[in-house]
């Protein structure tokens, strides 16, 4: 699995969003959302 480094502030935001979900699932959902928003061509094959 790739390594993702985030700031302490962002880490705390992710923690608060993941309160009821698995932390890793929440993190990867956020990464996927960011990727689709900022680089939609990346998801095309």
PDB file of N, CA and C in Angstrom:
ATOM      1  N   UNK A   1       0.849  -1.167   0.000  1.00  0.00           N
ATOM      2  CA  UNK A   1       0.000   0.000   0.000  1.00  0.00           C
ATOM      3  C   UNK A   1       0.900   1.237   0.000  1.00  0.00           C
ATOM      4  N   UNK A   2       0.564   2.251  -0.810  1.00  0.00           N
ATOM      5  CA  UNK A   2       1.362   3.477  -0.834  1.00  0.00           C
ATOM      6  C   UNK A   2       1.309   4.196   0.511  1.00  0.00           C
ATOM      7  N   UNK A   3       2.329   4.961   0.751  1.00  0.00           N
ATOM      8  CA  UNK A   3       2.391   5.743   1.988  1.00  0.00           C
ATOM      9  C   UNK A   3       1.879   7.150   1.696  1.00  0.00           C
ATOM     10  N   UNK A   4       1.034   7.666   2.579  1.00  0.00           N
ATOM     11  CA  UNK A   4       0.478   9.007   2.436  1.00  0.00           C
ATOM     12  C   UNK A   4       0.892   9.804   3.665  1.00  0.00           C
ATOM     13  N   UNK A   5       1.513  10.956   3.434  1.00  0.00           N
ATOM     14  CA  UNK A   5       1.904  11.822   4.541  1.00  0.00           C
ATOM     15  C   UNK A   5       1.025  13.065   4.526  1.00  0.00           C
ATOM     16  N   UNK A   6       0.496  13.404   5.696  1.00  0.00           N
ATOM     17  CA  UNK A   6      -0.377  14.571   5.823  1.00  0.00           C
ATOM     18  C   UNK A   6       0.062  15.402   7.025  1.00  0.00           C
ATOM     19  N   UNK A   7      -0.361  16.655   7.028  1.00  0.00           N
ATOM     20  CA  UNK A   7      -0.045  17.532   8.153  1.00  0.00           C
ATOM     21  C   UNK A   7      -0.811  17.081   9.393  1.00  0.00           C
ATOM     22  N   UNK A   8      -0.370  17.533  10.543  1.00  0.00           N
ATOM     23  CA  UNK A   8      -1.038  17.205  11.798  1.00  0.00           C
ATOM     24  C   UNK A   8      -2.484  17.699  11.785  1.00  0.00           C
ATOM     25  N   UNK A   9      -2.705  18.902  11.245  1.00  0.00           N
ATOM     26  CA  UNK A   9      -4.047  19.473  11.174  1.00  0.00           C
ATOM     27  C   UNK A   9      -4.961  18.602  10.315  1.00  0.00           C
ATOM     28  N   UNK A  10      -4.490  18.197   9.158  1.00  0.00           N
ATOM     29  CA  UNK A  10      -5.288  17.345   8.282  1.00  0.00           C
ATOM     30  C   UNK A  10      -5.526  15.984   8.930  1.00  0.00           C
ATOM     31  N   UNK A  11      -4.531  15.456   9.605  1.00  0.00           N
ATOM     32  CA  UNK A  11      -4.685  14.179  10.303  1.00  0.00           C
ATOM     33  C   UNK A  11      -5.831  14.258  11.316  1.00  0.00           C
ATOM     34  N   UNK A  12      -5.896  15.351  12.064  1.00  0.00           N
ATOM     35  CA  UNK A  12      -6.969  15.531  13.056  1.00  0.00           C
ATOM     36  C   UNK A  12      -8.326  15.615  12.366  1.00  0.00           C
ATOM     37  N   UNK A  13      -8.395  16.275  11.201  1.00  0.00           N
ATOM     38  CA  UNK A  13      -9.650  16.355  10.451  1.00  0.00           C
ATOM     39  C   UNK A  13     -10.084  14.967   9.990  1.00  0.00           C
ATOM     40  N   UNK A  14      -9.135  14.185   9.514  1.00  0.00           N
ATOM     41  CA  UNK A  14      -9.443  12.823   9.067  1.00  0.00           C
ATOM     42  C   UNK A  14      -9.925  11.994  10.253  1.00  0.00           C
ATOM     43  N   UNK A  15      -9.270  12.138  11.371  1.00  0.00           N
ATOM     44  CA  UNK A  15      -9.677  11.415  12.582  1.00  0.00           C
ATOM     45  C   UNK A  15     -11.113  11.738  12.959  1.00  0.00           C
ATOM     46  N   UNK A  16     -11.484  13.004  12.878  1.00  0.00           N
ATOM     47  CA  UNK A  16     -12.844  13.385  13.260  1.00  0.00           C
ATOM     48  C   UNK A  16     -13.865  12.839  12.261  1.00  0.00           C
ATOM     49  N   UNK A  17     -13.530  12.778  10.992  1.00  0.00           N
ATOM     50  CA  UNK A  17     -14.430  12.220   9.978  1.00  0.00           C
ATOM     51  C   UNK A  17     -14.558  10.711  10.121  1.00  0.00           C
ATOM     52  N   UNK A  18     -13.537  10.075  10.652  1.00  0.00           N
ATOM     53  CA  UNK A  18     -13.506   8.616  10.747  1.00  0.00           C
ATOM     54  C   UNK A  18     -14.054   8.106  12.073  1.00  0.00           C
ATOM     55  N   UNK A  19     -14.692   8.955  12.839  1.00  0.00           N
ATOM     56  CA  UNK A  19     -15.116   8.545  14.168  1.00  0.00           C
ATOM     57  C   UNK A  19     -15.976   7.285  14.171  1.00  0.00           C
ATOM     58  N   UNK A  20     -16.824   7.100  13.163  1.00  0.00           N
ATOM     59  CA  UNK A  20     -17.672   5.917  13.123  1.00  0.00           C
ATOM     60  C   UNK A  20     -17.208   4.906  12.072  1.00  0.00           C
ATOM     61  N   UNK A  21     -16.313   5.297  11.206  1.00  0.00           N
ATOM     62  CA  UNK A  21     -15.809   4.420  10.151  1.00  0.00           C
ATOM     63  C   UNK A  21     -14.375   4.022  10.444  1.00  0.00           C
ATOM     64  N   UNK A  22     -13.865   3.126   9.672  1.00  0.00           N
ATOM     65  CA  UNK A  22     -12.461   2.749   9.763  1.00  0.00           C
ATOM     66  C   UNK A  22     -11.601   3.901   9.254  1.00  0.00           C
ATOM     67  N   UNK A  23     -10.543   4.231   9.982  1.00  0.00           N
ATOM     68  CA  UNK A  23      -9.685   5.359   9.628  1.00  0.00           C
ATOM     69  C   UNK A  23      -9.117   5.224   8.220  1.00  0.00           C
ATOM     70  N   UNK A  24      -8.581   4.052   7.874  1.00  0.00           N
ATOM     71  CA  UNK A  24      -7.983   3.859   6.553  1.00  0.00           C
ATOM     72  C   UNK A  24      -9.013   3.995   5.442  1.00  0.00           C
ATOM     73  N   UNK A  25     -10.215   3.470   5.649  1.00  0.00           N
ATOM     74  CA  UNK A  25     -11.270   3.615   4.641  1.00  0.00           C
ATOM     75  C   UNK A  25     -11.586   5.088   4.401  1.00  0.00           C
ATOM     76  N   UNK A  26     -11.696   5.851   5.483  1.00  0.00           N
ATOM     77  CA  UNK A  26     -11.977   7.282   5.361  1.00  0.00           C
ATOM     78  C   UNK A  26     -10.849   7.997   4.635  1.00  0.00           C
ATOM     79  N   UNK A  27      -9.612   7.681   4.973  1.00  0.00           N
ATOM     80  CA  UNK A  27      -8.466   8.307   4.332  1.00  0.00           C
ATOM     81  C   UNK A  27      -8.472   8.034   2.831  1.00  0.00           C
ATOM     82  N   UNK A  28      -8.689   6.782   2.430  1.00  0.00           N
ATOM     83  CA  UNK A  28      -8.666   6.449   1.003  1.00  0.00           C
ATOM     84  C   UNK A  28      -9.849   7.051   0.255  1.00  0.00           C
ATOM     85  N   UNK A  29     -10.998   7.185   0.906  1.00  0.00           N
ATOM     86  CA  UNK A  29     -12.134   7.867   0.276  1.00  0.00           C
ATOM     87  C   UNK A  29     -11.776   9.324   0.008  1.00  0.00           C
ATOM     88  N   UNK A  30     -11.113   9.969   0.970  1.00  0.00           N
ATOM     89  CA  UNK A  30     -10.718  11.368   0.801  1.00  0.00           C
ATOM     90  C   UNK A  30      -9.683  11.510  -0.315  1.00  0.00           C
ATOM     91  N   UNK A  31      -8.726  10.591  -0.370  1.00  0.00           N
ATOM     92  CA  UNK A  31      -7.707  10.623  -1.417  1.00  0.00           C
ATOM     93  C   UNK A  31      -8.363  10.436  -2.784  1.00  0.00           C
ATOM     94  N   UNK A  32      -9.288   9.484  -2.882  1.00  0.00           N
ATOM     95  CA  UNK A  32      -9.983   9.245  -4.142  1.00  0.00           C
ATOM     96  C   UNK A  32     -10.795  10.444  -4.580  1.00  0.00           C
ATOM     97  N   UNK A  33     -11.465  11.075  -3.649  1.00  0.00           N
ATOM     98  CA  UNK A  33     -12.254  12.265  -3.957  1.00  0.00           C
ATOM     99  C   UNK A  33     -11.351  13.396  -4.452  1.00  0.00           C
ATOM    100  N   UNK A  34     -10.239  13.601  -3.780  1.00  0.00           N
ATOM    101  CA  UNK A  34      -9.285  14.629  -4.188  1.00  0.00           C
ATOM    102  C   UNK A  34      -8.755  14.333  -5.594  1.00  0.00           C
ATOM    103  N   UNK A  35      -8.421  13.081  -5.832  1.00  0.00           N
ATOM    104  CA  UNK A  35      -7.868  12.696  -7.134  1.00  0.00           C
ATOM    105  C   UNK A  35      -8.868  12.934  -8.255  1.00  0.00           C
ATOM    106  N   UNK A  36     -10.127  12.536  -8.040  1.00  0.00           N
ATOM    107  CA  UNK A  36     -11.150  12.734  -9.067  1.00  0.00           C
ATOM    108  C   UNK A  36     -11.391  14.219  -9.331  1.00  0.00           C
ATOM    109  N   UNK A  37     -11.348  15.021  -8.286  1.00  0.00           N
ATOM    110  CA  UNK A  37     -11.584  16.454  -8.424  1.00  0.00           C
ATOM    111  C   UNK A  37     -10.432  17.150  -9.136  1.00  0.00           C
ATOM    112  N   UNK A  38      -9.199  16.778  -8.813  1.00  0.00           N
ATOM    113  CA  UNK A  38      -8.027  17.488  -9.311  1.00  0.00           C
ATOM    114  C   UNK A  38      -7.350  16.854 -10.514  1.00  0.00           C
ATOM    115  N   UNK A  39      -7.672  15.604 -10.822  1.00  0.00           N
ATOM    116  CA  UNK A  39      -7.057  14.933 -11.943  1.00  0.00           C
ATOM    117  C   UNK A  39      -7.998  13.846 -12.469  1.00  0.00           C
ATOM    118  N   UNK A  40      -9.143  14.242 -13.046  1.00  0.00           N
ATOM    119  CA  UNK A  40     -10.128  13.240 -13.454  1.00  0.00           C
ATOM    120  C   UNK A  40      -9.613  12.281 -14.532  1.00  0.00           C
ATOM    121  N   UNK A  41      -8.617  12.690 -15.311  1.00  0.00           N
ATOM    122  CA  UNK A  41      -8.076  11.812 -16.351  1.00  0.00           C
ATOM    123  C   UNK A  41      -7.352  10.606 -15.767  1.00  0.00           C
ATOM    124  N   UNK A  42      -6.917  10.703 -14.519  1.00  0.00           N
ATOM    125  CA  UNK A  42      -6.166   9.624 -13.879  1.00  0.00           C
ATOM    126  C   UNK A  42      -6.995   8.352 -13.717  1.00  0.00           C
ATOM    127  N   UNK A  43      -8.315   8.498 -13.634  1.00  0.00           N
ATOM    128  CA  UNK A  43      -9.173   7.334 -13.442  1.00  0.00           C
ATOM    129  C   UNK A  43      -9.626   6.694 -14.750  1.00  0.00           C
ATOM    130  N   UNK A  44      -9.207   7.259 -15.868  1.00  0.00           N
ATOM    131  CA  UNK A  44      -9.566   6.679 -17.166  1.00  0.00           C
ATOM    132  C   UNK A  44      -8.511   5.677 -17.596  1.00  0.00           C
ATOM    133  N   UNK A  45      -8.961   4.600 -18.214  1.00  0.00           N
ATOM    134  CA  UNK A  45      -8.008   3.597 -18.698  1.00  0.00           C
ATOM    135  C   UNK A  45      -7.955   3.594 -20.192  1.00  0.00           C
TER     136      UNK A  45
END
